[in-house]
Amino acid sequence: MVGHISDFGLAKILSGEWPNYSTNESSSLGVRGTIGYAPPEYGMGSELSTNGDVYSYGILLLEMLTGKSPTNERFTEGLGLHNFVKTALPDRVVEIIDPILLQESVRRGIVADITLNENNLGNDIHLQCLNSIFEIGLTCSTESPSERMDMSNVITKLCSIREKLLGPTRLRRGI
C-alpha cells in the first residue's frame, strides 16, 4: 500500500492557499487526487469539497482493512473496492479482511482461530467491530456526496467502537 497524503484535505488546502483560485479550473494546480482515491464527482468536473476528502478517507479505510488497493487489477467492469466490501458484508467479513490482519489478531489471541466457513460474527466482538469499521468506510466512500458520513460522525462512531472493544475501564486507565 502506498499512502498519498495529497489525497486528503484538498478542499481545505486549495481554498486556504489560493483564495482566488477556482477549484473548477483546469490547470496543473487543480490536481484532484490519486486515481482510486479521488471521488467520482471530481471526474465529472465538480469542485473540491470536504465530501471528496471523506470519500478518500473511506477508500483508505477499506484499503487498510482489506489489504487491497482501490486500483487492484481484480477490480474491473464496475467492481471496485467499495463494491467488493459491500457485497461481502456483513456475513463474509472474514473473507475480505486482510489475511495478515486476521493472522496477527489470531496470533495475539484477539480473535479465535476461525476459518472462512466459520464466520461467527454474531458471537465475536472483534469481528462485530471490524464489520462496523467496514460500514464506516462504505458510508464514507458512497458514490453520492450527500450520502457520505460527516467526519464528526466518523469520529464519534470510531470512538464508540474503541470503547466497545476496550471497555470504559481500560480507556480511563490509558490502556
Protein backbone atom coordinates (compact mmCIF):
# COMPACT_ATOMS: atom_id res chain seq x y z
CA MET A 1 0.00 0.00 0.00
CA VAL A 2 1.16 3.49 -0.78
CA GLY A 3 -0.45 6.33 1.09
CA HIS A 4 -0.82 9.63 -0.69
CA ILE A 5 -1.12 12.50 1.76
CA SER A 6 -2.12 14.73 -1.12
CA ASP A 7 -5.47 12.93 -1.33
CA PHE A 8 -6.67 14.34 1.97
CA GLY A 9 -7.65 17.89 2.74
CA LEU A 10 -7.57 19.02 -0.89
CA ALA A 11 -10.62 21.23 -0.38
CA LYS A 12 -9.12 22.99 2.62
CA ILE A 13 -5.61 23.25 1.18
CA LEU A 14 -6.69 24.79 -2.10
CA SER A 15 -9.27 27.14 -0.63
CA GLY A 16 -6.81 28.31 2.04
CA GLU A 17 -3.70 28.60 -0.09
CA TRP A 18 -5.28 30.19 -3.14
CA PRO A 19 -8.36 32.18 -2.08
CA ASN A 20 -8.89 33.46 -5.63
CA TYR A 21 -8.31 30.03 -7.20
CA SER A 22 -11.38 28.38 -8.66
CA THR A 23 -11.27 24.67 -7.86
CA ASN A 24 -13.21 24.09 -11.06
CA GLU A 25 -10.44 25.44 -13.30
CA SER A 26 -8.27 23.11 -15.32
CA SER A 27 -4.58 23.60 -14.60
CA SER A 28 -1.66 21.79 -13.08
CA LEU A 29 -2.66 23.35 -9.75
CA GLY A 30 -6.03 21.63 -9.97
CA VAL A 31 -4.80 18.13 -9.23
CA ARG A 32 -7.81 16.43 -7.78
CA GLY A 33 -6.30 13.37 -6.17
CA THR A 34 -4.91 9.97 -6.97
CA ILE A 35 -6.85 7.54 -9.15
CA GLY A 36 -8.82 5.25 -6.90
CA TYR A 37 -8.92 7.72 -4.02
CA ALA A 38 -10.49 10.69 -5.80
CA PRO A 39 -14.28 10.72 -5.61
CA PRO A 40 -16.33 10.12 -8.75
CA GLU A 41 -17.70 13.67 -8.82
CA TYR A 42 -14.21 15.10 -9.37
CA GLY A 43 -14.04 13.23 -12.65
CA MET A 44 -17.23 14.99 -13.72
CA GLY A 45 -15.82 18.45 -13.02
CA SER A 46 -17.26 19.08 -9.56
CA GLU A 47 -15.48 21.48 -7.28
CA LEU A 48 -13.28 20.20 -4.47
CA SER A 49 -15.19 19.68 -1.25
CA THR A 50 -14.84 18.17 2.18
CA ASN A 51 -17.20 15.43 0.94
CA GLY A 52 -14.47 14.49 -1.52
CA ASP A 53 -12.00 14.26 1.34
CA VAL A 54 -14.44 11.99 3.20
CA TYR A 55 -14.58 9.73 0.15
CA SER A 56 -10.78 9.44 0.08
CA TYR A 57 -10.77 8.62 3.79
CA GLY A 58 -13.39 5.89 3.28
CA ILE A 59 -11.38 4.30 0.48
CA LEU A 60 -8.22 4.39 2.60
CA LEU A 61 -10.07 2.75 5.50
CA LEU A 62 -11.33 -0.03 3.22
CA GLU A 63 -7.84 -0.46 1.78
CA MET A 64 -6.27 -0.77 5.23
CA LEU A 65 -8.75 -3.43 6.31
CA THR A 66 -8.75 -5.49 3.10
CA GLY A 67 -5.12 -5.03 2.09
CA LYS A 68 -6.36 -4.31 -1.44
CA SER A 69 -5.60 -1.14 -3.33
CA PRO A 70 -8.56 0.59 -4.99
CA THR A 71 -6.68 0.16 -8.28
CA ASN A 72 -6.14 -3.59 -7.80
CA GLU A 73 -6.31 -5.46 -11.09
CA ARG A 74 -9.09 -7.58 -9.59
CA PHE A 75 -11.41 -4.58 -9.73
CA THR A 76 -12.71 -4.36 -13.28
CA GLU A 77 -16.05 -3.93 -15.02
CA GLY A 78 -17.74 -1.91 -12.29
CA LEU A 79 -16.36 -3.87 -9.36
CA GLY A 80 -14.32 -1.57 -7.19
CA LEU A 81 -13.06 -1.72 -3.63
CA HIS A 82 -16.30 -0.21 -2.34
CA ASN A 83 -18.49 -2.82 -4.09
CA PHE A 84 -16.08 -5.63 -3.18
CA VAL A 85 -16.60 -4.84 0.51
CA LYS A 86 -20.31 -4.05 0.19
CA THR A 87 -21.16 -7.43 -1.34
CA ALA A 88 -19.32 -9.29 1.43
CA LEU A 89 -20.84 -7.56 4.44
CA PRO A 90 -21.99 -8.41 6.99
CA ASP A 91 -21.81 -12.18 6.74
CA ARG A 92 -18.48 -12.66 4.98
CA VAL A 93 -16.23 -10.16 6.77
CA VAL A 94 -13.60 -12.84 7.34
CA GLU A 95 -13.33 -13.43 3.60
CA ILE A 96 -12.45 -9.82 2.79
CA ILE A 97 -10.25 -8.83 5.70
CA ASP A 98 -6.54 -8.63 5.01
CA PRO A 99 -5.23 -12.10 5.92
CA ILE A 100 -2.23 -10.51 7.60
CA LEU A 101 -4.52 -8.58 9.98
CA LEU A 102 -6.54 -11.67 10.73
CA GLN A 103 -3.42 -13.78 11.23
CA GLU A 104 -1.95 -11.17 13.59
CA SER A 105 -5.20 -10.99 15.57
CA VAL A 106 -5.27 -14.77 15.94
CA ARG A 107 -1.60 -14.83 16.94
CA ARG A 108 -2.18 -12.24 19.65
CA GLY A 109 -5.28 -14.08 20.87
CA ILE A 110 -7.62 -11.22 19.97
CA VAL A 111 -9.93 -13.36 17.86
CA ALA A 112 -10.43 -17.07 17.89
CA ASP A 113 -8.81 -19.10 15.14
CA ILE A 114 -11.63 -19.10 12.62
CA THR A 115 -11.94 -20.45 9.14
CA LEU A 116 -13.78 -18.90 6.22
CA ASN A 117 -16.67 -21.30 6.79
CA GLU A 118 -17.00 -20.50 10.48
CA ASN A 119 -17.59 -16.75 10.43
CA ASN A 120 -19.26 -16.39 13.80
CA LEU A 121 -19.77 -12.63 13.51
CA GLY A 122 -22.64 -12.63 15.98
CA ASN A 123 -20.51 -14.09 18.77
CA ASP A 124 -17.17 -12.35 18.27
CA ILE A 125 -16.98 -8.74 19.42
CA HIS A 126 -13.83 -8.14 17.39
CA LEU A 127 -15.49 -9.25 14.16
CA GLN A 128 -18.53 -7.13 15.02
CA CYS A 129 -16.27 -4.12 15.46
CA LEU A 130 -14.44 -4.86 12.22
CA ASN A 131 -17.78 -5.02 10.47
CA SER A 132 -18.71 -1.65 11.97
CA ILE A 133 -15.46 -0.10 10.73
CA PHE A 134 -16.08 -1.56 7.27
CA GLU A 135 -19.55 0.04 7.38
CA ILE A 136 -17.97 3.42 8.16
CA GLY A 137 -15.63 3.00 5.20
CA LEU A 138 -18.57 2.11 2.96
CA THR A 139 -20.64 5.08 4.09
CA CYS A 140 -17.71 7.44 3.58
CA SER A 141 -16.98 6.08 0.11
CA THR A 142 -20.50 6.01 -1.25
CA GLU A 143 -20.87 7.46 -4.75
CA SER A 144 -23.30 10.22 -3.76
CA PRO A 145 -21.57 13.05 -1.84
CA SER A 146 -24.77 13.87 0.06
CA GLU A 147 -24.96 10.31 1.43
CA ARG A 148 -21.43 10.33 2.87
CA MET A 149 -20.93 10.43 6.60
CA ASP A 150 -19.73 13.66 8.18
CA MET A 151 -16.25 13.32 9.73
CA SER A 152 -17.53 14.32 13.17
CA ASN A 153 -19.88 11.32 12.98
CA VAL A 154 -16.99 9.13 11.82
CA ILE A 155 -15.00 10.13 14.90
CA THR A 156 -17.97 9.51 17.20
CA LYS A 157 -18.55 6.05 15.72
CA LEU A 158 -14.86 5.10 15.82
CA CYS A 159 -14.64 6.18 19.48
CA SER A 160 -17.74 4.12 20.22
CA ILE A 161 -16.15 1.08 18.57
CA ARG A 162 -12.95 1.60 20.54
CA GLU A 163 -14.96 1.82 23.75
CA LYS A 164 -16.82 -1.37 22.86
CA LEU A 165 -13.53 -3.18 22.26
CA LEU A 166 -11.58 -1.87 25.21
CA GLY A 167 -14.34 -1.18 27.68
CA PRO A 168 -14.67 2.05 29.65
CA THR A 169 -12.35 1.00 32.49
CA ARG A 170 -9.40 0.25 30.20
CA LEU A 171 -9.89 3.54 28.37
CA ARG A 172 -9.78 5.55 31.63
CA ARG A 173 -6.52 3.85 32.63
CA GLY A 174 -4.99 4.64 29.24
CA ILE A 175 -4.50 1.03 28.18
